[in-house]
PDB file of N, CA and C in Angstrom:
ATOM      1  N   UNK A   1      24.089 -10.111  -1.300  1.00  0.00           N
ATOM      2  CA  UNK A   1      22.649 -10.179  -1.445  1.00  0.00           C
ATOM      3  C   UNK A   1      22.267  -9.613  -2.805  1.00  0.00           C
ATOM      4  N   UNK A   2      21.297 -10.242  -3.410  1.00  0.00           N
ATOM      5  CA  UNK A   2      20.852  -9.806  -4.731  1.00  0.00           C
ATOM      6  C   UNK A   2      19.740  -8.768  -4.637  1.00  0.00           C
ATOM      7  N   UNK A   3      19.832  -7.769  -5.502  1.00  0.00           N
ATOM      8  CA  UNK A   3      18.818  -6.722  -5.607  1.00  0.00           C
ATOM      9  C   UNK A   3      18.567  -6.435  -7.082  1.00  0.00           C
ATOM     10  N   UNK A   4      17.353  -6.009  -7.391  1.00  0.00           N
ATOM     11  CA  UNK A   4      17.033  -5.585  -8.756  1.00  0.00           C
ATOM     12  C   UNK A   4      17.819  -4.310  -9.064  1.00  0.00           C
ATOM     13  N   UNK A   5      18.135  -4.106 -10.347  1.00  0.00           N
ATOM     14  CA  UNK A   5      18.906  -2.927 -10.765  1.00  0.00           C
ATOM     15  C   UNK A   5      18.231  -1.616 -10.356  1.00  0.00           C
ATOM     16  N   UNK A   6      16.912  -1.571 -10.427  1.00  0.00           N
ATOM     17  CA  UNK A   6      16.212  -0.323 -10.099  1.00  0.00           C
ATOM     18  C   UNK A   6      16.245   0.006  -8.605  1.00  0.00           C
ATOM     19  N   UNK A   7      16.779  -0.897  -7.790  1.00  0.00           N
ATOM     20  CA  UNK A   7      16.908  -0.621  -6.357  1.00  0.00           C
ATOM     21  C   UNK A   7      18.292  -0.089  -5.989  1.00  0.00           C
ATOM     22  N   UNK A   8      19.205  -0.041  -6.949  1.00  0.00           N
ATOM     23  CA  UNK A   8      20.567   0.436  -6.661  1.00  0.00           C
ATOM     24  C   UNK A   8      20.533   1.875  -6.137  1.00  0.00           C
ATOM     25  N   UNK A   9      19.878   2.771  -6.840  1.00  0.00           N
ATOM     26  CA  UNK A   9      19.873   4.185  -6.440  1.00  0.00           C
ATOM     27  C   UNK A   9      19.252   4.382  -5.056  1.00  0.00           C
ATOM     28  N   UNK A  10      18.062   3.817  -4.771  1.00  0.00           N
ATOM     29  CA  UNK A  10      17.517   3.996  -3.424  1.00  0.00           C
ATOM     30  C   UNK A  10      18.429   3.443  -2.329  1.00  0.00           C
ATOM     31  N   UNK A  11      19.130   2.354  -2.606  1.00  0.00           N
ATOM     32  CA  UNK A  11      20.060   1.801  -1.616  1.00  0.00           C
ATOM     33  C   UNK A  11      21.239   2.738  -1.422  1.00  0.00           C
ATOM     34  N   UNK A  12      21.855   3.171  -2.507  1.00  0.00           N
ATOM     35  CA  UNK A  12      23.023   4.060  -2.402  1.00  0.00           C
ATOM     36  C   UNK A  12      22.667   5.426  -1.826  1.00  0.00           C
ATOM     37  N   UNK A  13      21.427   5.876  -2.057  1.00  0.00           N
ATOM     38  CA  UNK A  13      20.967   7.160  -1.507  1.00  0.00           C
ATOM     39  C   UNK A  13      20.528   7.047  -0.049  1.00  0.00           C
ATOM     40  N   UNK A  14      20.526   5.832   0.513  1.00  0.00           N
ATOM     41  CA  UNK A  14      20.114   5.630   1.906  1.00  0.00           C
ATOM     42  C   UNK A  14      18.611   5.642   2.104  1.00  0.00           C
ATOM     43  N   UNK A  15      17.839   5.555   1.030  1.00  0.00           N
ATOM     44  CA  UNK A  15      16.377   5.538   1.142  1.00  0.00           C
ATOM     45  C   UNK A  15      15.839   4.135   1.375  1.00  0.00           C
ATOM     46  N   UNK A  16      16.539   3.130   0.878  1.00  0.00           N
ATOM     47  CA  UNK A  16      16.156   1.740   1.105  1.00  0.00           C
ATOM     48  C   UNK A  16      17.142   1.148   2.099  1.00  0.00           C
ATOM     49  N   UNK A  17      16.645   0.855   3.302  1.00  0.00           N
ATOM     50  CA  UNK A  17      17.497   0.326   4.367  1.00  0.00           C
ATOM     51  C   UNK A  17      16.944  -0.983   4.928  1.00  0.00           C
ATOM     52  N   UNK A  18      15.945  -1.525   4.246  1.00  0.00           N
ATOM     53  CA  UNK A  18      15.314  -2.758   4.688  1.00  0.00           C
ATOM     54  C   UNK A  18      14.928  -3.569   3.456  1.00  0.00           C
ATOM     55  N   UNK A  19      14.958  -4.881   3.587  1.00  0.00           N
ATOM     56  CA  UNK A  19      14.502  -5.759   2.518  1.00  0.00           C
ATOM     57  C   UNK A  19      13.771  -6.934   3.134  1.00  0.00           C
ATOM     58  N   UNK A  20      12.763  -7.413   2.464  1.00  0.00           N
ATOM     59  CA  UNK A  20      12.010  -8.579   2.906  1.00  0.00           C
ATOM     60  C   UNK A  20      12.321  -9.734   1.963  1.00  0.00           C
ATOM     61  N   UNK A  21      12.526 -10.901   2.554  1.00  0.00           N
ATOM     62  CA  UNK A  21      12.898 -12.069   1.770  1.00  0.00           C
ATOM     63  C   UNK A  21      12.058 -13.281   2.175  1.00  0.00           C
ATOM     64  N   UNK A  22      11.712 -14.090   1.181  1.00  0.00           N
ATOM     65  CA  UNK A  22      10.962 -15.338   1.385  1.00  0.00           C
ATOM     66  C   UNK A  22      11.950 -16.486   1.586  1.00  0.00           C
ATOM     67  N   UNK A  23      12.663 -16.462   2.664  1.00  0.00           N
ATOM     68  CA  UNK A  23      13.646 -17.495   2.962  1.00  0.00           C
ATOM     69  C   UNK A  23      13.056 -18.486   3.958  1.00  0.00           C
ATOM     70  N   UNK A  24      13.514 -19.717   3.900  1.00  0.00           N
ATOM     71  CA  UNK A  24      13.101 -20.723   4.881  1.00  0.00           C
ATOM     72  C   UNK A  24      13.857 -20.526   6.200  1.00  0.00           C
ATOM     73  N   UNK A  25      15.047 -19.967   6.091  1.00  0.00           N
ATOM     74  CA  UNK A  25      15.883 -19.655   7.267  1.00  0.00           C
ATOM     75  C   UNK A  25      16.723 -18.439   6.903  1.00  0.00           C
ATOM     76  N   UNK A  26      17.232 -17.710   7.888  1.00  0.00           N
ATOM     77  CA  UNK A  26      18.058 -16.535   7.560  1.00  0.00           C
ATOM     78  C   UNK A  26      19.319 -16.949   6.804  1.00  0.00           C
ATOM     79  N   UNK A  27      19.605 -16.245   5.729  1.00  0.00           N
ATOM     80  CA  UNK A  27      20.806 -16.519   4.939  1.00  0.00           C
ATOM     81  C   UNK A  27      21.890 -15.472   5.172  1.00  0.00           C
ATOM     82  N   UNK A  28      21.650 -14.570   6.104  1.00  0.00           N
ATOM     83  CA  UNK A  28      22.623 -13.553   6.500  1.00  0.00           C
ATOM     84  C   UNK A  28      22.644 -13.488   8.021  1.00  0.00           C
ATOM     85  N   UNK A  29      23.682 -12.851   8.568  1.00  0.00           N
ATOM     86  CA  UNK A  29      23.817 -12.720  10.022  1.00  0.00           C
ATOM     87  C   UNK A  29      23.940 -11.258  10.410  1.00  0.00           C
ATOM     88  N   UNK A  30      23.370 -10.914  11.546  1.00  0.00           N
ATOM     89  CA  UNK A  30      23.470  -9.553  12.081  1.00  0.00           C
ATOM     90  C   UNK A  30      24.934  -9.221  12.335  1.00  0.00           C
ATOM     91  N   UNK A  31      25.305  -7.992  12.028  1.00  0.00           N
ATOM     92  CA  UNK A  31      26.657  -7.442  12.186  1.00  0.00           C
ATOM     93  C   UNK A  31      27.654  -7.974  11.154  1.00  0.00           C
ATOM     94  N   UNK A  32      27.195  -8.770  10.190  1.00  0.00           N
ATOM     95  CA  UNK A  32      28.072  -9.238   9.120  1.00  0.00           C
ATOM     96  C   UNK A  32      27.915  -8.332   7.909  1.00  0.00           C
ATOM     97  N   UNK A  33      28.925  -8.339   7.041  1.00  0.00           N
ATOM     98  CA  UNK A  33      28.880  -7.536   5.822  1.00  0.00           C
ATOM     99  C   UNK A  33      28.736  -8.445   4.607  1.00  0.00           C
ATOM    100  N   UNK A  34      28.060  -7.904   3.597  1.00  0.00           N
ATOM    101  CA  UNK A  34      27.785  -8.659   2.372  1.00  0.00           C
ATOM    102  C   UNK A  34      27.894  -7.724   1.179  1.00  0.00           C
ATOM    103  N   UNK A  35      28.164  -8.307   0.037  1.00  0.00           N
ATOM    104  CA  UNK A  35      28.159  -7.548  -1.208  1.00  0.00           C
ATOM    105  C   UNK A  35      26.723  -7.422  -1.696  1.00  0.00           C
ATOM    106  N   UNK A  36      26.318  -6.198  -1.998  1.00  0.00           N
ATOM    107  CA  UNK A  36      25.029  -5.965  -2.640  1.00  0.00           C
ATOM    108  C   UNK A  36      25.289  -6.015  -4.132  1.00  0.00           C
ATOM    109  N   UNK A  37      24.551  -6.863  -4.839  1.00  0.00           N
ATOM    110  CA  UNK A  37      24.814  -7.072  -6.256  1.00  0.00           C
ATOM    111  C   UNK A  37      23.529  -7.287  -7.025  1.00  0.00           C
ATOM    112  N   UNK A  38      23.641  -7.223  -8.347  1.00  0.00           N
ATOM    113  CA  UNK A  38      22.474  -7.404  -9.194  1.00  0.00           C
ATOM    114  C   UNK A  38      22.408  -8.801  -9.805  1.00  0.00           C
ATOM    115  N   UNK A  39      23.505  -9.547  -9.735  1.00  0.00           N
ATOM    116  CA  UNK A  39      23.531 -10.943 -10.164  1.00  0.00           C
ATOM    117  C   UNK A  39      24.741 -11.599  -9.507  1.00  0.00           C
ATOM    118  N   UNK A  40      25.047 -12.821  -9.900  1.00  0.00           N
ATOM    119  CA  UNK A  40      26.116 -13.542  -9.214  1.00  0.00           C
ATOM    120  C   UNK A  40      27.516 -13.248  -9.748  1.00  0.00           C
ATOM    121  N   UNK A  41      27.629 -12.429 -10.786  1.00  0.00           N
ATOM    122  CA  UNK A  41      28.949 -12.088 -11.316  1.00  0.00           C
ATOM    123  C   UNK A  41      29.646 -11.059 -10.418  1.00  0.00           C
ATOM    124  N   UNK A  42      30.955 -11.170 -10.316  1.00  0.00           N
ATOM    125  CA  UNK A  42      31.719 -10.260  -9.454  1.00  0.00           C
ATOM    126  C   UNK A  42      31.546  -8.801  -9.846  1.00  0.00           C
ATOM    127  N   UNK A  43      31.431  -8.527 -11.145  1.00  0.00           N
ATOM    128  CA  UNK A  43      31.338  -7.134 -11.585  1.00  0.00           C
ATOM    129  C   UNK A  43      29.961  -6.520 -11.345  1.00  0.00           C
ATOM    130  N   UNK A  44      29.054  -7.247 -10.713  1.00  0.00           N
ATOM    131  CA  UNK A  44      27.724  -6.705 -10.451  1.00  0.00           C
ATOM    132  C   UNK A  44      27.603  -6.100  -9.050  1.00  0.00           C
ATOM    133  N   UNK A  45      28.684  -6.127  -8.263  1.00  0.00           N
ATOM    134  CA  UNK A  45      28.652  -5.565  -6.914  1.00  0.00           C
ATOM    135  C   UNK A  45      28.560  -4.043  -7.003  1.00  0.00           C
ATOM    136  N   UNK A  46      27.590  -3.459  -6.298  1.00  0.00           N
ATOM    137  CA  UNK A  46      27.448  -2.006  -6.302  1.00  0.00           C
ATOM    138  C   UNK A  46      27.604  -1.389  -4.920  1.00  0.00           C
ATOM    139  N   UNK A  47      27.660  -2.215  -3.867  1.00  0.00           N
ATOM    140  CA  UNK A  47      27.833  -1.685  -2.514  1.00  0.00           C
ATOM    141  C   UNK A  47      28.186  -2.818  -1.563  1.00  0.00           C
ATOM    142  N   UNK A  48      28.722  -2.439  -0.420  1.00  0.00           N
ATOM    143  CA  UNK A  48      28.893  -3.365   0.690  1.00  0.00           C
ATOM    144  C   UNK A  48      27.898  -2.942   1.756  1.00  0.00           C
ATOM    145  N   UNK A  49      27.130  -3.905   2.257  1.00  0.00           N
ATOM    146  CA  UNK A  49      26.120  -3.590   3.274  1.00  0.00           C
ATOM    147  C   UNK A  49      26.408  -4.365   4.550  1.00  0.00           C
ATOM    148  N   UNK A  50      26.031  -3.762   5.670  1.00  0.00           N
ATOM    149  CA  UNK A  50      26.138  -4.407   6.977  1.00  0.00           C
ATOM    150  C   UNK A  50      24.723  -4.678   7.464  1.00  0.00           C
ATOM    151  N   UNK A  51      24.477  -5.905   7.902  1.00  0.00           N
ATOM    152  CA  UNK A  51      23.160  -6.289   8.405  1.00  0.00           C
ATOM    153  C   UNK A  51      23.025  -5.767   9.831  1.00  0.00           C
ATOM    154  N   UNK A  52      21.965  -4.992  10.082  1.00  0.00           N
ATOM    155  CA  UNK A  52      21.766  -4.389  11.399  1.00  0.00           C
ATOM    156  C   UNK A  52      20.719  -5.118  12.238  1.00  0.00           C
ATOM    157  N   UNK A  53      19.778  -5.804  11.597  1.00  0.00           N
ATOM    158  CA  UNK A  53      18.805  -6.619  12.330  1.00  0.00           C
ATOM    159  C   UNK A  53      18.104  -7.569  11.369  1.00  0.00           C
ATOM    160  N   UNK A  54      17.539  -8.615  11.957  1.00  0.00           N
ATOM    161  CA  UNK A  54      16.717  -9.577  11.226  1.00  0.00           C
ATOM    162  C   UNK A  54      15.524  -9.895  12.110  1.00  0.00           C
ATOM    163  N   UNK A  55      14.339  -9.877  11.524  1.00  0.00           N
ATOM    164  CA  UNK A  55      13.142 -10.274  12.263  1.00  0.00           C
ATOM    165  C   UNK A  55      12.181 -10.953  11.299  1.00  0.00           C
ATOM    166  N   UNK A  56      11.189 -11.628  11.849  1.00  0.00           N
ATOM    167  CA  UNK A  56      10.179 -12.300  11.030  1.00  0.00           C
ATOM    168  C   UNK A  56       8.858 -11.584  11.192  1.00  0.00           C
ATOM    169  N   UNK A  57       8.105 -11.547  10.110  1.00  0.00           N
ATOM    170  CA  UNK A  57       6.749 -11.009  10.179  1.00  0.00           C
ATOM    171  C   UNK A  57       5.976 -11.491   8.954  1.00  0.00           C
ATOM    172  N   UNK A  58       4.704 -11.310   8.986  1.00  0.00           N
ATOM    173  CA  UNK A  58       3.867 -11.618   7.826  1.00  0.00           C
ATOM    174  C   UNK A  58       4.033 -10.485   6.814  1.00  0.00           C
ATOM    175  N   UNK A  59       4.056 -10.837   5.552  1.00  0.00           N
ATOM    176  CA  UNK A  59       4.235  -9.844   4.500  1.00  0.00           C
ATOM    177  C   UNK A  59       3.191  -8.737   4.612  1.00  0.00           C
ATOM    178  N   UNK A  60       1.949  -9.090   4.863  1.00  0.00           N
ATOM    179  CA  UNK A  60       0.870  -8.115   4.954  1.00  0.00           C
ATOM    180  C   UNK A  60       0.911  -7.247   6.195  1.00  0.00           C
ATOM    181  N   UNK A  61       1.824  -7.536   7.125  1.00  0.00           N
ATOM    182  CA  UNK A  61       1.941  -6.742   8.350  1.00  0.00           C
ATOM    183  C   UNK A  61       2.818  -5.510   8.156  1.00  0.00           C
ATOM    184  N   UNK A  62       3.345  -5.307   6.962  1.00  0.00           N
ATOM    185  CA  UNK A  62       4.205  -4.144   6.722  1.00  0.00           C
ATOM    186  C   UNK A  62       3.409  -2.873   7.004  1.00  0.00           C
ATOM    187  N   UNK A  63       4.037  -1.943   7.725  1.00  0.00           N
ATOM    188  CA  UNK A  63       3.386  -0.671   8.049  1.00  0.00           C
ATOM    189  C   UNK A  63       4.075   0.460   7.276  1.00  0.00           C
ATOM    190  N   UNK A  64       3.612   1.679   7.514  1.00  0.00           N
ATOM    191  CA  UNK A  64       4.157   2.822   6.782  1.00  0.00           C
ATOM    192  C   UNK A  64       5.663   2.959   6.996  1.00  0.00           C
ATOM    193  N   UNK A  65       6.131   2.748   8.217  1.00  0.00           N
ATOM    194  CA  UNK A  65       7.563   2.841   8.513  1.00  0.00           C
ATOM    195  C   UNK A  65       8.347   1.803   7.698  1.00  0.00           C
ATOM    196  N   UNK A  66       7.840   0.579   7.630  1.00  0.00           N
ATOM    197  CA  UNK A  66       8.478  -0.461   6.844  1.00  0.00           C
ATOM    198  C   UNK A  66       8.480  -0.134   5.358  1.00  0.00           C
ATOM    199  N   UNK A  67       7.376   0.434   4.880  1.00  0.00           N
ATOM    200  CA  UNK A  67       7.283   0.829   3.471  1.00  0.00           C
ATOM    201  C   UNK A  67       8.362   1.867   3.151  1.00  0.00           C
ATOM    202  N   UNK A  68       8.530   2.850   4.033  1.00  0.00           N
ATOM    203  CA  UNK A  68       9.567   3.879   3.827  1.00  0.00           C
ATOM    204  C   UNK A  68      10.967   3.253   3.845  1.00  0.00           C
ATOM    205  N   UNK A  69      11.217   2.334   4.789  1.00  0.00           N
ATOM    206  CA  UNK A  69      12.529   1.683   4.863  1.00  0.00           C
ATOM    207  C   UNK A  69      12.789   0.807   3.648  1.00  0.00           C
ATOM    208  N   UNK A  70      11.731   0.350   2.990  1.00  0.00           N
ATOM    209  CA  UNK A  70      11.871  -0.416   1.740  1.00  0.00           C
ATOM    210  C   UNK A  70      12.160   0.506   0.556  1.00  0.00           C
ATOM    211  N   UNK A  71      12.162   1.821   0.814  1.00  0.00           N
ATOM    212  CA  UNK A  71      12.443   2.786  -0.245  1.00  0.00           C
ATOM    213  C   UNK A  71      11.227   3.150  -1.069  1.00  0.00           C
ATOM    214  N   UNK A  72      10.049   2.840  -0.557  1.00  0.00           N
ATOM    215  CA  UNK A  72       8.802   3.093  -1.286  1.00  0.00           C
ATOM    216  C   UNK A  72       8.006   4.215  -0.631  1.00  0.00           C
ATOM    217  N   UNK A  73       7.099   4.800  -1.412  1.00  0.00           N
ATOM    218  CA  UNK A  73       6.263   5.884  -0.884  1.00  0.00           C
ATOM    219  C   UNK A  73       4.843   5.428  -0.573  1.00  0.00           C
ATOM    220  N   UNK A  74       4.485   4.209  -0.976  1.00  0.00           N
ATOM    221  CA  UNK A  74       3.135   3.708  -0.713  1.00  0.00           C
ATOM    222  C   UNK A  74       3.131   2.186  -0.698  1.00  0.00           C
ATOM    223  N   UNK A  75       2.074   1.631  -0.132  1.00  0.00           N
ATOM    224  CA  UNK A  75       1.922   0.181  -0.126  1.00  0.00           C
ATOM    225  C   UNK A  75       1.784  -0.338  -1.554  1.00  0.00           C
ATOM    226  N   UNK A  76       1.061   0.391  -2.395  1.00  0.00           N
ATOM    227  CA  UNK A  76       0.914  -0.037  -3.793  1.00  0.00           C
ATOM    228  C   UNK A  76       2.263  -0.132  -4.507  1.00  0.00           C
ATOM    229  N   UNK A  77       3.146   0.843  -4.259  1.00  0.00           N
ATOM    230  CA  UNK A  77       4.480   0.809  -4.870  1.00  0.00           C
ATOM    231  C   UNK A  77       5.268  -0.405  -4.378  1.00  0.00           C
ATOM    232  N   UNK A  78       5.204  -0.651  -3.056  1.00  0.00           N
ATOM    233  CA  UNK A  78       5.903  -1.813  -2.502  1.00  0.00           C
ATOM    234  C   UNK A  78       5.347  -3.105  -3.084  1.00  0.00           C
ATOM    235  N   UNK A  79       4.013  -3.223  -3.173  1.00  0.00           N
ATOM    236  CA  UNK A  79       3.392  -4.431  -3.739  1.00  0.00           C
ATOM    237  C   UNK A  79       3.842  -4.664  -5.175  1.00  0.00           C
ATOM    238  N   UNK A  80       3.922  -3.595  -5.961  1.00  0.00           N
ATOM    239  CA  UNK A  80       4.354  -3.716  -7.359  1.00  0.00           C
ATOM    240  C   UNK A  80       5.767  -4.296  -7.436  1.00  0.00           C
ATOM    241  N   UNK A  81       6.668  -3.794  -6.602  1.00  0.00           N
ATOM    242  CA  UNK A  81       8.046  -4.301  -6.578  1.00  0.00           C
ATOM    243  C   UNK A  81       8.066  -5.756  -6.112  1.00  0.00           C
ATOM    244  N   UNK A  82       7.302  -6.062  -5.063  1.00  0.00           N
ATOM    245  CA  UNK A  82       7.255  -7.433  -4.537  1.00  0.00           C
ATOM    246  C   UNK A  82       6.782  -8.412  -5.622  1.00  0.00           C
ATOM    247  N   UNK A  83       5.714  -8.038  -6.309  1.00  0.00           N
ATOM    248  CA  UNK A  83       5.164  -8.904  -7.358  1.00  0.00           C
ATOM    249  C   UNK A  83       6.163  -9.057  -8.507  1.00  0.00           C
ATOM    250  N   UNK A  84       6.896  -7.994  -8.820  1.00  0.00           N
ATOM    251  CA  UNK A  84       7.931  -8.082  -9.859  1.00  0.00           C
ATOM    252  C   UNK A  84       8.993  -9.114  -9.483  1.00  0.00           C
ATOM    253  N   UNK A  85       9.324  -9.183  -8.203  1.00  0.00           N
ATOM    254  CA  UNK A  85      10.380 -10.081  -7.741  1.00  0.00           C
ATOM    255  C   UNK A  85       9.853 -11.498  -7.495  1.00  0.00           C
ATOM    256  N   UNK A  86       8.707 -11.606  -6.811  1.00  0.00           N
ATOM    257  CA  UNK A  86       8.219 -12.915  -6.378  1.00  0.00           C
ATOM    258  C   UNK A  86       7.012 -13.444  -7.155  1.00  0.00           C
ATOM    259  N   UNK A  87       6.411 -12.623  -8.003  1.00  0.00           N
ATOM    260  CA  UNK A  87       5.335 -13.107  -8.849  1.00  0.00           C
ATOM    261  C   UNK A  87       3.929 -12.943  -8.320  1.00  0.00           C
ATOM    262  N   UNK A  88       3.766 -12.829  -7.009  1.00  0.00           N
ATOM    263  CA  UNK A  88       2.422 -12.645  -6.442  1.00  0.00           C
ATOM    264  C   UNK A  88       2.519 -12.009  -5.064  1.00  0.00           C
ATOM    265  N   UNK A  89       1.401 -11.473  -4.615  1.00  0.00           N
ATOM    266  CA  UNK A  89       1.296 -10.851  -3.291  1.00  0.00           C
ATOM    267  C   UNK A  89       0.495 -11.787  -2.405  1.00  0.00           C
ATOM    268  N   UNK A  90       1.127 -12.334  -1.392  1.00  0.00           N
ATOM    269  CA  UNK A  90       0.468 -13.221  -0.439  1.00  0.00           C
ATOM    270  C   UNK A  90       0.673 -12.657   0.958  1.00  0.00           C
ATOM    271  N   UNK A  91      -0.278 -11.852   1.447  1.00  0.00           N
ATOM    272  CA  UNK A  91      -0.105 -11.156   2.730  1.00  0.00           C
ATOM    273  C   UNK A  91       0.160 -12.068   3.923  1.00  0.00           C
ATOM    274  N   UNK A  92      -0.266 -13.328   3.858  1.00  0.00           N
ATOM    275  CA  UNK A  92      -0.053 -14.231   4.990  1.00  0.00           C
ATOM    276  C   UNK A  92       1.320 -14.908   4.966  1.00  0.00           C
ATOM    277  N   UNK A  93       2.099 -14.676   3.914  1.00  0.00           N
ATOM    278  CA  UNK A  93       3.428 -15.303   3.812  1.00  0.00           C
ATOM    279  C   UNK A  93       4.354 -14.793   4.911  1.00  0.00           C
ATOM    280  N   UNK A  94       5.096 -15.715   5.529  1.00  0.00           N
ATOM    281  CA  UNK A  94       6.102 -15.348   6.523  1.00  0.00           C
ATOM    282  C   UNK A  94       7.362 -14.914   5.789  1.00  0.00           C
ATOM    283  N   UNK A  95       7.876 -13.746   6.131  1.00  0.00           N
ATOM    284  CA  UNK A  95       9.084 -13.226   5.495  1.00  0.00           C
ATOM    285  C   UNK A  95      10.111 -12.856   6.553  1.00  0.00           C
ATOM    286  N   UNK A  96      11.359 -12.802   6.130  1.00  0.00           N
ATOM    287  CA  UNK A  96      12.403 -12.238   6.980  1.00  0.00           C
ATOM    288  C   UNK A  96      12.560 -10.781   6.595  1.00  0.00           C
ATOM    289  N   UNK A  97      12.594  -9.923   7.593  1.00  0.00           N
ATOM    290  CA  UNK A  97      12.819  -8.499   7.407  1.00  0.00           C
ATOM    291  C   UNK A  97      14.271  -8.247   7.781  1.00  0.00           C
ATOM    292  N   UNK A  98      15.059  -7.759   6.833  1.00  0.00           N
ATOM    293  CA  UNK A  98      16.486  -7.569   7.058  1.00  0.00           C
ATOM    294  C   UNK A  98      16.800  -6.082   6.971  1.00  0.00           C
ATOM    295  N   UNK A  99      17.280  -5.522   8.066  1.00  0.00           N
ATOM    296  CA  UNK A  99      17.728  -4.145   8.085  1.00  0.00           C
ATOM    297  C   UNK A  99      19.199  -4.090   7.726  1.00  0.00           C
ATOM    298  N   UNK A 100      19.586  -3.059   6.973  1.00  0.00           N
ATOM    299  CA  UNK A 100      20.982  -2.965   6.552  1.00  0.00           C
ATOM    300  C   UNK A 100      21.382  -1.509   6.372  1.00  0.00           C
ATOM    301  N   UNK A 101      22.680  -1.288   6.325  1.00  0.00           N
ATOM    302  CA  UNK A 101      23.222   0.033   5.995  1.00  0.00           C
ATOM    303  C   UNK A 101      24.393  -0.154   5.057  1.00  0.00           C
ATOM    304  N   UNK A 102      24.554   0.802   4.172  1.00  0.00           N
ATOM    305  CA  UNK A 102      25.686   0.794   3.247  1.00  0.00           C
ATOM    306  C   UNK A 102      26.909   1.258   4.013  1.00  0.00           C
ATOM    307  N   UNK A 103      28.012   0.523   3.843  1.00  0.00           N
ATOM    308  CA  UNK A 103      29.244   0.945   4.528  1.00  0.00           C
ATOM    309  C   UNK A 103      30.342   1.221   3.507  1.00  0.00           C
TER     310      UNK A 103
END
């Protein structure tokens, strides 16, 4: 799974244990392991993660618990990261919420 470079530390520190993705269908499976990386090159792998759950929700339905699991301290911080990755904030967008742990 791809992550921005600035998310490496929160992931490795165990502060980011959830990610939201704008996928049409799940691209990962629960109980499977994946390489966490910053791009598609092999040398960009920084961790191995295990998917613990997948669920669907509207982007704007994120609550304080979800914000913390995203490694953020506020909704504004999460929105800033989301916009950096996806270009805009659309609260009605359906997203996949993927829980994971570093193994």
